[in-house]
Amino acid sequence: MEFISICEKDIQGDNFTPLNVVFTLVYSNKGYLLVQNRQSNFWELPSGSTKLHEKLRDCAIRRCRETSGQKVIELEFMGICKIIFENRSQSEYFAIYVTELEEEEQFIGNEEIKDMKWYKPGDDIKPICTTCSNIIQFYESECSKVEIQ
């Protein structure tokens, strides 16, 4: 997995094709927001694919609301994550956004997501999506100015 530091306005074109999936790293003083996927049972960051003609940023906002019930507005573009799957010949790219949650909304499960929790690095939470765990670790080591209590 490789993190690519780039400005959001510079991601146009074919350099990162396909780029239609976003992860949203939502944090508060409680930790990092994870949702539990009902189908896979994995804990993961709010994420999802863009709809036709939808901007990556708009997708991040929409998917955060759909998966966790949390309303996020101010997002910072963190960069792109490049993953090379061993069983595929093509790389995949994911946009990553980050935001601090000011006011927590009540979580209501749905057919896709069964639970939500706040994760602090070091918490024993299993199973956790490896890509999501790596994004949190990267943010903690390279970007974070956050005090998780």
C-alpha atoms as a PDB file:
ATOM      1  CA  MET A   1       0.000   0.000   0.000  1.00  0.00           C
ATOM      2  CA  GLU A   2       1.329   3.416  -0.942  1.00  0.00           C
ATOM      3  CA  PHE A   3       0.134   6.849   0.148  1.00  0.00           C
ATOM      4  CA  ILE A   4       0.365   9.540  -2.499  1.00  0.00           C
ATOM      5  CA  SER A   5       0.461  13.123  -1.292  1.00  0.00           C
ATOM      6  CA  ILE A   6      -1.259  15.279  -3.884  1.00  0.00           C
ATOM      7  CA  CYS A   7      -3.554  18.309  -3.997  1.00  0.00           C
ATOM      8  CA  GLU A   8      -7.180  17.489  -4.651  1.00  0.00           C
ATOM      9  CA  LYS A   9      -7.290  19.780  -7.693  1.00  0.00           C
ATOM     10  CA  ASP A  10      -4.398  17.844  -9.278  1.00  0.00           C
ATOM     11  CA  ILE A  11      -6.073  14.426  -9.417  1.00  0.00           C
ATOM     12  CA  GLN A  12      -7.864  14.971 -12.734  1.00  0.00           C
ATOM     13  CA  GLY A  13      -6.947  12.833 -15.728  1.00  0.00           C
ATOM     14  CA  ASP A  14      -5.862   9.247 -16.111  1.00  0.00           C
ATOM     15  CA  ASN A  15      -2.964   9.131 -13.640  1.00  0.00           C
ATOM     16  CA  PHE A  16      -5.089   7.477 -10.958  1.00  0.00           C
ATOM     17  CA  THR A  17      -7.586   5.459 -12.971  1.00  0.00           C
ATOM     18  CA  PRO A  18      -9.812   4.102 -11.673  1.00  0.00           C
ATOM     19  CA  LEU A  19     -10.393   6.510  -8.790  1.00  0.00           C
ATOM     20  CA  ASN A  20     -14.000   6.148  -7.746  1.00  0.00           C
ATOM     21  CA  VAL A  21     -13.804   4.998  -4.108  1.00  0.00           C
ATOM     22  CA  VAL A  22     -13.376   7.185  -1.027  1.00  0.00           C
ATOM     23  CA  PHE A  23     -12.512   6.577   2.607  1.00  0.00           C
ATOM     24  CA  THR A  24     -13.453   9.164   5.208  1.00  0.00           C
ATOM     25  CA  LEU A  25     -11.348   9.317   8.351  1.00  0.00           C
ATOM     26  CA  VAL A  26     -13.625  10.865  10.979  1.00  0.00           C
ATOM     27  CA  TYR A  27     -12.143  11.632  14.388  1.00  0.00           C
ATOM     28  CA  SER A  28     -13.134  13.190  17.672  1.00  0.00           C
ATOM     29  CA  ASN A  29     -11.646  13.165  21.155  1.00  0.00           C
ATOM     30  CA  LYS A  30     -13.252   9.702  21.486  1.00  0.00           C
ATOM     31  CA  GLY A  31     -11.142   8.200  18.694  1.00  0.00           C
ATOM     32  CA  TYR A  32     -11.633   7.305  15.042  1.00  0.00           C
ATOM     33  CA  LEU A  33     -15.069   6.415  13.725  1.00  0.00           C
ATOM     34  CA  LEU A  34     -15.465   2.835  12.494  1.00  0.00           C
ATOM     35  CA  VAL A  35     -18.568   1.107  11.199  1.00  0.00           C
ATOM     36  CA  GLN A  36     -19.195  -2.638  11.127  1.00  0.00           C
ATOM     37  CA  ASN A  37     -20.123  -3.985   7.719  1.00  0.00           C
ATOM     38  CA  ARG A  38     -23.093  -6.324   8.096  1.00  0.00           C
ATOM     39  CA  GLN A  39     -22.014  -8.615   5.236  1.00  0.00           C
ATOM     40  CA  SER A  40     -18.285  -9.031   5.979  1.00  0.00           C
ATOM     41  CA  ASN A  41     -18.462  -8.303   9.731  1.00  0.00           C
ATOM     42  CA  PHE A  42     -15.306  -6.162   9.322  1.00  0.00           C
ATOM     43  CA  TRP A  43     -14.859  -2.853  11.111  1.00  0.00           C
ATOM     44  CA  GLU A  44     -13.999  -0.164   8.585  1.00  0.00           C
ATOM     45  CA  LEU A  45     -13.887   3.546   7.925  1.00  0.00           C
ATOM     46  CA  PRO A  46     -16.944   5.058   6.257  1.00  0.00           C
ATOM     47  CA  SER A  47     -16.298   4.470   2.569  1.00  0.00           C
ATOM     48  CA  GLY A  48     -17.938   3.812  -0.754  1.00  0.00           C
ATOM     49  CA  SER A  49     -18.031   4.266  -4.481  1.00  0.00           C
ATOM     50  CA  THR A  50     -19.042   7.368  -6.366  1.00  0.00           C
ATOM     51  CA  LYS A  51     -22.285   7.530  -8.284  1.00  0.00           C
ATOM     52  CA  LEU A  52     -22.269   8.553 -11.931  1.00  0.00           C
ATOM     53  CA  HIS A  53     -20.831  12.123 -12.221  1.00  0.00           C
ATOM     54  CA  GLU A  54     -20.528  12.439  -8.429  1.00  0.00           C
ATOM     55  CA  LYS A  55     -17.463  14.261  -7.111  1.00  0.00           C
ATOM     56  CA  LEU A  56     -15.194  12.368  -4.706  1.00  0.00           C
ATOM     57  CA  ARG A  57     -15.763  14.926  -1.941  1.00  0.00           C
ATOM     58  CA  ASP A  58     -19.550  14.685  -2.320  1.00  0.00           C
ATOM     59  CA  CYS A  59     -19.303  10.899  -2.193  1.00  0.00           C
ATOM     60  CA  ALA A  60     -17.316  11.090   1.056  1.00  0.00           C
ATOM     61  CA  ILE A  61     -19.992  13.260   2.656  1.00  0.00           C
ATOM     62  CA  ARG A  62     -22.832  11.062   1.379  1.00  0.00           C
ATOM     63  CA  ARG A  63     -21.247   7.753   2.373  1.00  0.00           C
ATOM     64  CA  CYS A  64     -20.373   9.000   5.840  1.00  0.00           C
ATOM     65  CA  ARG A  65     -24.019   9.921   6.381  1.00  0.00           C
ATOM     66  CA  GLU A  66     -25.325   6.655   4.863  1.00  0.00           C
ATOM     67  CA  THR A  67     -23.007   4.340   6.782  1.00  0.00           C
ATOM     68  CA  SER A  68     -22.722   6.037  10.165  1.00  0.00           C
ATOM     69  CA  GLY A  69     -25.530   8.573  10.351  1.00  0.00           C
ATOM     70  CA  GLN A  70     -22.926  11.288  10.948  1.00  0.00           C
ATOM     71  CA  LYS A  71     -23.196  14.604   9.176  1.00  0.00           C
ATOM     72  CA  VAL A  72     -19.815  15.869   8.015  1.00  0.00           C
ATOM     73  CA  ILE A  73     -19.342  19.114   6.136  1.00  0.00           C
ATOM     74  CA  GLU A  74     -15.766  20.349   6.329  1.00  0.00           C
ATOM     75  CA  LEU A  75     -13.470  17.742   4.809  1.00  0.00           C
ATOM     76  CA  GLU A  76      -9.745  17.960   4.242  1.00  0.00           C
ATOM     77  CA  PHE A  77      -8.319  16.002   1.320  1.00  0.00           C
ATOM     78  CA  MET A  78      -5.578  13.783   2.755  1.00  0.00           C
ATOM     79  CA  GLY A  79      -4.337  12.181  -0.462  1.00  0.00           C
ATOM     80  CA  ILE A  80      -4.619   8.988  -2.437  1.00  0.00           C
ATOM     81  CA  CYS A  81      -4.015   5.432  -1.359  1.00  0.00           C
ATOM     82  CA  LYS A  82      -2.638   3.059  -4.015  1.00  0.00           C
ATOM     83  CA  ILE A  83      -3.146  -0.649  -3.499  1.00  0.00           C
ATOM     84  CA  ILE A  84      -1.691  -3.369  -5.679  1.00  0.00           C
ATOM     85  CA  PHE A  85      -3.560  -6.617  -5.274  1.00  0.00           C
ATOM     86  CA  GLU A  86      -1.446  -9.742  -5.709  1.00  0.00           C
ATOM     87  CA  ASN A  87      -4.114 -11.550  -7.708  1.00  0.00           C
ATOM     88  CA  ARG A  88      -4.757  -8.637 -10.104  1.00  0.00           C
ATOM     89  CA  SER A  89      -2.542  -6.954 -12.631  1.00  0.00           C
ATOM     90  CA  GLN A  90      -3.976  -3.482 -12.012  1.00  0.00           C
ATOM     91  CA  SER A  91      -3.526  -1.056  -9.130  1.00  0.00           C
ATOM     92  CA  GLU A  92      -6.528   0.483  -7.424  1.00  0.00           C
ATOM     93  CA  TYR A  93      -6.679   4.015  -6.079  1.00  0.00           C
ATOM     94  CA  PHE A  94      -8.780   5.386  -3.230  1.00  0.00           C
ATOM     95  CA  ALA A  95      -9.263   9.019  -2.225  1.00  0.00           C
ATOM     96  CA  ILE A  96      -8.931   9.741   1.479  1.00  0.00           C
ATOM     97  CA  TYR A  97     -10.649  12.600   3.293  1.00  0.00           C
ATOM     98  CA  VAL A  98     -10.353  13.524   6.955  1.00  0.00           C
ATOM     99  CA  THR A  99     -12.592  15.542   9.255  1.00  0.00           C
ATOM    100  CA  GLU A 100     -13.199  16.220  12.907  1.00  0.00           C
ATOM    101  CA  LEU A 101     -16.716  15.448  14.079  1.00  0.00           C
ATOM    102  CA  GLU A 102     -18.072  18.317  16.125  1.00  0.00           C
ATOM    103  CA  GLU A 103     -21.423  16.856  17.105  1.00  0.00           C
ATOM    104  CA  GLU A 104     -22.211  13.147  17.170  1.00  0.00           C
ATOM    105  CA  GLU A 105     -25.539  11.992  15.763  1.00  0.00           C
ATOM    106  CA  GLN A 106     -27.309   8.869  16.979  1.00  0.00           C
ATOM    107  CA  PHE A 107     -26.353   5.768  14.996  1.00  0.00           C
ATOM    108  CA  ILE A 108     -29.191   3.708  13.556  1.00  0.00           C
ATOM    109  CA  GLY A 109     -28.233   0.416  11.935  1.00  0.00           C
ATOM    110  CA  ASN A 110     -29.282  -0.302   8.379  1.00  0.00           C
ATOM    111  CA  GLU A 111     -29.104  -3.183   5.894  1.00  0.00           C
ATOM    112  CA  GLU A 112     -25.435  -2.409   5.151  1.00  0.00           C
ATOM    113  CA  ILE A 113     -23.992  -1.390   8.540  1.00  0.00           C
ATOM    114  CA  LYS A 114     -24.828  -3.034  11.849  1.00  0.00           C
ATOM    115  CA  ASP A 115     -22.809  -1.023  14.354  1.00  0.00           C
ATOM    116  CA  MET A 116     -20.600   2.010  14.889  1.00  0.00           C
ATOM    117  CA  LYS A 117     -17.866   2.635  17.438  1.00  0.00           C
ATOM    118  CA  TRP A 118     -14.982   4.927  18.274  1.00  0.00           C
ATOM    119  CA  TYR A 119     -11.602   3.269  17.876  1.00  0.00           C
ATOM    120  CA  LYS A 120      -8.357   4.259  19.577  1.00  0.00           C
ATOM    121  CA  PRO A 121      -5.108   2.789  18.243  1.00  0.00           C
ATOM    122  CA  GLY A 122      -4.238  -0.126  20.458  1.00  0.00           C
ATOM    123  CA  ASP A 123      -7.875  -1.098  21.049  1.00  0.00           C
ATOM    124  CA  ASP A 124      -8.486  -4.790  20.463  1.00  0.00           C
ATOM    125  CA  ILE A 125     -11.084  -4.648  17.719  1.00  0.00           C
ATOM    126  CA  LYS A 126     -11.461  -7.536  15.310  1.00  0.00           C
ATOM    127  CA  PRO A 127     -11.832  -8.050  12.503  1.00  0.00           C
ATOM    128  CA  ILE A 128     -10.671  -4.672  11.214  1.00  0.00           C
ATOM    129  CA  CYS A 129     -10.185  -3.813   7.557  1.00  0.00           C
ATOM    130  CA  THR A 130      -6.415  -3.848   6.873  1.00  0.00           C
ATOM    131  CA  THR A 131      -6.605  -0.883   4.487  1.00  0.00           C
ATOM    132  CA  CYS A 132      -8.540   1.138   7.072  1.00  0.00           C
ATOM    133  CA  SER A 133      -6.098   0.225   9.834  1.00  0.00           C
ATOM    134  CA  ASN A 134      -3.196   1.305   7.599  1.00  0.00           C
ATOM    135  CA  ILE A 135      -4.913   4.633   6.823  1.00  0.00           C
ATOM    136  CA  ILE A 136      -5.328   5.320  10.556  1.00  0.00           C
ATOM    137  CA  GLN A 137      -1.696   4.373  11.246  1.00  0.00           C
ATOM    138  CA  PHE A 138      -0.485   6.626   8.428  1.00  0.00           C
ATOM    139  CA  TYR A 139      -2.593   9.526   9.699  1.00  0.00           C
ATOM    140  CA  GLU A 140      -1.350   8.989  13.258  1.00  0.00           C
ATOM    141  CA  SER A 141       2.303   8.950  12.204  1.00  0.00           C
ATOM    142  CA  GLU A 142       2.348  11.545   9.410  1.00  0.00           C
ATOM    143  CA  CYS A 143      -0.567  13.933   9.743  1.00  0.00           C
ATOM    144  CA  SER A 144      -2.248  13.900  13.131  1.00  0.00           C
ATOM    145  CA  LYS A 145      -2.200  16.793  15.523  1.00  0.00           C
ATOM    146  CA  VAL A 146      -5.135  15.206  17.340  1.00  0.00           C
ATOM    147  CA  GLU A 147      -5.234  14.288  21.010  1.00  0.00           C
ATOM    148  CA  ILE A 148      -7.312  11.125  21.333  1.00  0.00           C
ATOM    149  CA  GLN A 149      -8.290  10.713  24.995  1.00  0.00           C
END
